């Protein structure tokens, strides 16, 4: 069974980069690996899991992943706008034999200074 994470990731990066609302908030700061000392706001891909979801007569897999959004502006407003833009860009995206479905969004702070959102998705993949 092929690992569909790279196909899903490539399609997600393209969709995030093409999102005008997200670009207005983070510019081109969409990362797989966050550079050292990167100024906020930005979004980063994280936590990729591939699972077998096939049956006796059909190959299928599920890819679960997270997009993290970070902001150092006070409150939750900017990070919530970023999470909404990420969700709008990726929910129902259909990369090669797959469909990306939004699961949930969680909000929090790190040391009371940085707001973040964790936006979880699941991609259902044929073959």
Protein backbone atom coordinates (compact mmCIF):
# COMPACT_ATOMS: atom_id res chain seq x y z
CA UNK A 1 0.00 0.00 0.00
CA UNK A 2 1.48 3.37 -0.96
CA UNK A 3 2.08 6.10 1.61
CA UNK A 4 -0.23 8.88 0.45
CA UNK A 5 1.10 11.50 2.87
CA UNK A 6 3.37 13.18 0.32
CA UNK A 7 0.61 13.47 -2.30
CA UNK A 8 -1.78 14.94 0.25
CA UNK A 9 0.91 17.26 1.63
CA UNK A 10 1.83 18.62 -1.82
CA UNK A 11 -1.83 19.35 -2.63
CA UNK A 12 -2.36 21.01 0.77
CA UNK A 13 0.72 23.23 0.43
CA UNK A 14 -0.44 24.33 -3.03
CA UNK A 15 -3.96 25.09 -1.73
CA UNK A 16 -2.64 27.00 1.29
CA UNK A 17 -0.27 29.07 -0.89
CA UNK A 18 -3.15 29.84 -3.29
CA UNK A 19 -5.43 31.05 -0.47
CA UNK A 20 -5.73 34.84 -0.68
CA UNK A 21 -7.18 35.17 2.87
CA UNK A 22 -4.33 33.13 4.35
CA UNK A 23 -1.69 34.98 2.30
CA UNK A 24 -3.08 38.28 3.57
CA UNK A 25 -2.41 37.07 7.13
CA UNK A 26 0.89 35.17 6.82
CA UNK A 27 2.34 36.11 3.44
CA UNK A 28 4.39 33.16 2.23
CA UNK A 29 5.13 31.83 5.73
CA UNK A 30 3.71 28.31 5.23
CA UNK A 31 6.18 25.70 6.45
CA UNK A 32 6.88 22.00 6.71
CA UNK A 33 9.78 22.86 9.02
CA UNK A 34 9.73 26.22 10.81
CA UNK A 35 12.96 28.18 10.27
CA UNK A 36 14.85 29.30 13.37
CA UNK A 37 13.79 32.71 14.70
CA UNK A 38 10.91 32.98 12.23
CA UNK A 39 8.68 35.98 12.93
CA UNK A 40 4.98 35.32 13.48
CA UNK A 41 2.35 34.90 12.17
CA UNK A 42 2.90 31.68 10.24
CA UNK A 43 1.40 28.23 9.68
CA UNK A 44 3.21 24.90 9.79
CA UNK A 45 2.32 21.35 8.86
CA UNK A 46 2.65 18.80 11.63
CA UNK A 47 1.81 15.32 12.87
CA UNK A 48 1.30 13.16 9.78
CA UNK A 49 -0.20 9.69 10.33
CA UNK A 50 -0.99 7.18 7.56
CA UNK A 51 -3.33 4.27 8.34
CA UNK A 52 -4.51 1.27 6.39
CA UNK A 53 -8.25 1.62 5.78
CA UNK A 54 -8.67 -1.08 3.13
CA UNK A 55 -10.89 -4.11 2.87
CA UNK A 56 -10.40 -7.57 1.35
CA UNK A 57 -11.38 -6.28 -2.07
CA UNK A 58 -10.14 -2.67 -2.04
CA UNK A 59 -6.98 -0.81 -1.01
CA UNK A 60 -7.55 2.43 0.87
CA UNK A 61 -5.82 4.51 3.49
CA UNK A 62 -6.49 7.39 5.81
CA UNK A 63 -4.05 10.25 6.29
CA UNK A 64 -4.47 12.35 9.42
CA UNK A 65 -2.57 15.59 9.81
CA UNK A 66 -2.50 18.93 11.59
CA UNK A 67 -1.86 22.47 10.49
CA UNK A 68 -0.58 24.70 13.28
CA UNK A 69 -1.14 28.46 13.19
CA UNK A 70 0.91 30.78 15.40
CA UNK A 71 0.47 34.46 16.26
CA UNK A 72 2.16 36.73 18.78
CA UNK A 73 -0.63 39.32 18.64
CA UNK A 74 -2.69 39.64 21.83
CA UNK A 75 -5.84 37.54 22.03
CA UNK A 76 -7.19 34.90 19.71
CA UNK A 77 -8.49 37.02 16.83
CA UNK A 78 -5.60 36.68 14.37
CA UNK A 79 -5.00 33.00 15.03
CA UNK A 80 -8.75 32.30 14.64
CA UNK A 81 -8.72 34.12 11.29
CA UNK A 82 -5.74 32.01 10.24
CA UNK A 83 -7.47 28.78 11.31
CA UNK A 84 -10.59 29.76 9.35
CA UNK A 85 -8.50 30.50 6.24
CA UNK A 86 -6.71 27.14 6.57
CA UNK A 87 -10.02 25.30 6.98
CA UNK A 88 -11.57 27.10 4.00
CA UNK A 89 -8.54 26.29 1.83
CA UNK A 90 -8.34 22.59 2.70
CA UNK A 91 -11.80 21.28 3.62
CA UNK A 92 -13.14 19.12 0.76
CA UNK A 93 -9.87 19.46 -1.19
CA UNK A 94 -9.56 16.48 -3.56
CA UNK A 95 -5.96 15.58 -4.36
CA UNK A 96 -5.46 12.54 -6.62
CA UNK A 97 -7.89 9.92 -5.35
CA UNK A 98 -8.40 11.50 -1.94
CA UNK A 99 -10.69 13.89 -0.11
CA UNK A 100 -9.56 16.10 2.77
CA UNK A 101 -12.09 16.58 5.57
CA UNK A 102 -11.79 19.09 8.44
CA UNK A 103 -12.01 17.37 11.85
CA UNK A 104 -11.66 20.07 14.51
CA UNK A 105 -9.80 23.18 15.65
CA UNK A 106 -8.24 23.64 19.08
CA UNK A 107 -6.94 26.95 20.45
CA UNK A 108 -4.40 27.67 23.13
CA UNK A 109 -1.48 29.81 24.28
CA UNK A 110 2.17 29.10 24.95
CA UNK A 111 3.56 30.83 28.04
CA UNK A 112 0.69 33.31 27.75
CA UNK A 113 2.49 35.12 24.93
CA UNK A 114 1.84 33.18 21.74
CA UNK A 115 -1.61 32.16 20.54
CA UNK A 116 -1.92 29.04 18.45
CA UNK A 117 -4.54 26.98 16.67
CA UNK A 118 -4.26 23.31 15.86
CA UNK A 119 -6.45 22.48 12.85
CA UNK A 120 -6.89 18.73 12.32
CA UNK A 121 -7.81 17.10 9.02
CA UNK A 122 -8.34 13.60 7.70
CA UNK A 123 -7.79 12.58 4.09
CA UNK A 124 -9.61 9.49 2.82
CA UNK A 125 -7.47 7.97 0.06
CA UNK A 126 -8.27 5.35 -2.58
CA UNK A 127 -5.52 2.88 -3.34
